[in-house]
Protein backbone atom coordinates (compact mmCIF):
# COMPACT_ATOMS: atom_id res chain seq x y z
CA MET A 1 0.06 0.04 0.02
CA ALA A 2 1.32 3.42 -1.19
CA LYS A 3 1.68 6.07 1.44
CA THR A 4 0.23 9.30 1.49
CA SER A 5 2.00 12.60 1.13
CA SER A 6 1.29 13.34 4.79
CA GLU A 7 2.64 9.92 5.87
CA LYS A 8 5.99 10.44 3.98
CA THR A 9 6.06 13.93 5.58
CA ASN A 10 5.55 12.36 9.26
CA ASP A 11 8.28 9.72 8.05
CA LYS A 12 10.80 12.91 7.19
CA VAL A 13 9.82 14.25 10.27
CA GLY A 14 10.61 11.08 12.51
CA ASP A 15 13.84 10.50 10.69
CA ALA A 16 14.83 14.23 11.40
CA SER A 17 14.03 13.81 14.93
CA SER A 18 16.03 10.57 15.17
CA ALA A 19 18.81 12.26 13.48
CA ASP A 20 18.89 15.02 15.74
CA ALA A 21 18.87 13.00 18.79
CA ALA A 22 21.56 11.14 17.53
CA ILE A 23 23.63 14.23 16.99
CA SER A 24 23.01 15.64 20.15
CA ASN A 25 24.31 12.31 21.80
CA LEU A 26 27.57 12.96 19.98
CA GLY A 27 30.83 14.21 21.49
CA TYR A 28 32.49 17.06 19.94
CA GLU A 29 35.45 14.94 18.77
CA ASP A 30 32.99 12.46 17.24
CA ALA A 31 30.78 15.22 15.54
CA MET A 32 33.87 16.92 13.85
CA LYS A 33 34.89 13.47 12.26
CA GLN A 34 31.50 13.16 10.80
CA LEU A 35 31.22 16.70 9.84
CA GLU A 36 34.84 16.42 7.97
CA SER A 37 33.65 13.18 6.33
CA ILE A 38 30.67 14.77 4.82
CA VAL A 39 32.86 17.84 3.76
CA ASP A 40 35.19 15.23 1.84
CA GLN A 41 31.89 13.56 0.26
CA LEU A 42 30.37 17.08 -0.77
CA GLU A 43 34.29 18.08 -2.08
CA SER A 44 34.84 14.77 -3.97
CA GLY A 45 31.54 15.22 -6.09
CA ALA A 46 31.01 11.72 -6.02
CA ILE A 47 27.67 11.63 -4.46
CA SER A 48 24.24 12.74 -6.32
CA LEU A 49 22.59 16.11 -5.64
CA GLU A 50 20.04 14.58 -3.46
CA GLU A 51 22.52 12.79 -1.32
CA SER A 52 24.54 16.07 -1.18
CA LEU A 53 21.64 18.01 -0.03
CA LYS A 54 20.95 15.51 2.87
CA ALA A 55 24.70 15.39 3.69
CA PHE A 56 24.70 19.22 3.58
CA GLU A 57 21.68 19.35 6.02
CA ARG A 58 23.47 16.99 8.44
CA GLY A 59 26.77 18.73 8.21
CA ARG A 60 24.86 21.96 9.29
CA ALA A 61 23.32 20.12 11.96
CA LEU A 62 26.75 18.50 13.01
CA SER A 63 28.11 22.32 12.78
CA ASN A 64 25.43 23.85 15.11
CA HIS A 65 25.91 21.18 17.47
CA CYS A 66 29.79 21.46 17.76
CA ARG A 67 29.38 25.44 17.93
CA GLY A 68 27.04 24.51 21.15
CA ILE A 69 29.50 22.27 22.77
CA LEU A 70 32.28 25.16 22.25
CA ASP A 71 30.03 27.83 23.60
CA ASN A 72 29.44 25.92 26.77
CA ALA A 73 33.11 25.06 27.09
CA THR A 74 33.95 28.69 26.53
CA LYS A 75 31.12 29.77 29.37
CA ARG A 76 32.73 26.99 31.76
CA ILE A 77 36.25 28.39 31.08
CA GLN A 78 34.86 32.16 31.76
CA THR A 79 33.26 31.08 35.17
CA LEU A 80 35.92 29.05 35.98
CA THR A 81 38.48 32.19 35.49
CA ALA A 82 36.06 34.31 37.26
CA ASP A 83 35.72 32.06 40.30
CA ALA A 84 39.67 31.77 40.42
CA LEU A 85 40.04 35.70 40.20
CA GLY A 86 37.60 36.05 43.00
CA LYS A 87 39.45 33.76 45.30
CA GLN A 88 42.82 35.67 44.53
CA GLU A 89 41.11 39.00 45.47
CA GLN A 90 39.56 37.62 48.68
CA GLU A 91 43.31 36.34 49.83
């Protein structure tokens, strides 16, 4: 039985949600490895246009994930640095 267009859309949304969940579970190094692999694929031109678009979308999601990890690390460093400076001033 053929799927309706709304069922196909729901499948894509489900696929995207599971892909987003999988990305959110990746550490920085693993996400970067996947991103580098996607860049290599896109630069090689060996994949179809449709595959290139999917790879690009995943690459953007991986890039955003990595940026979030780096932003959180920066905030942690700023907090730790501020705490250390505050303790030095109290002494």
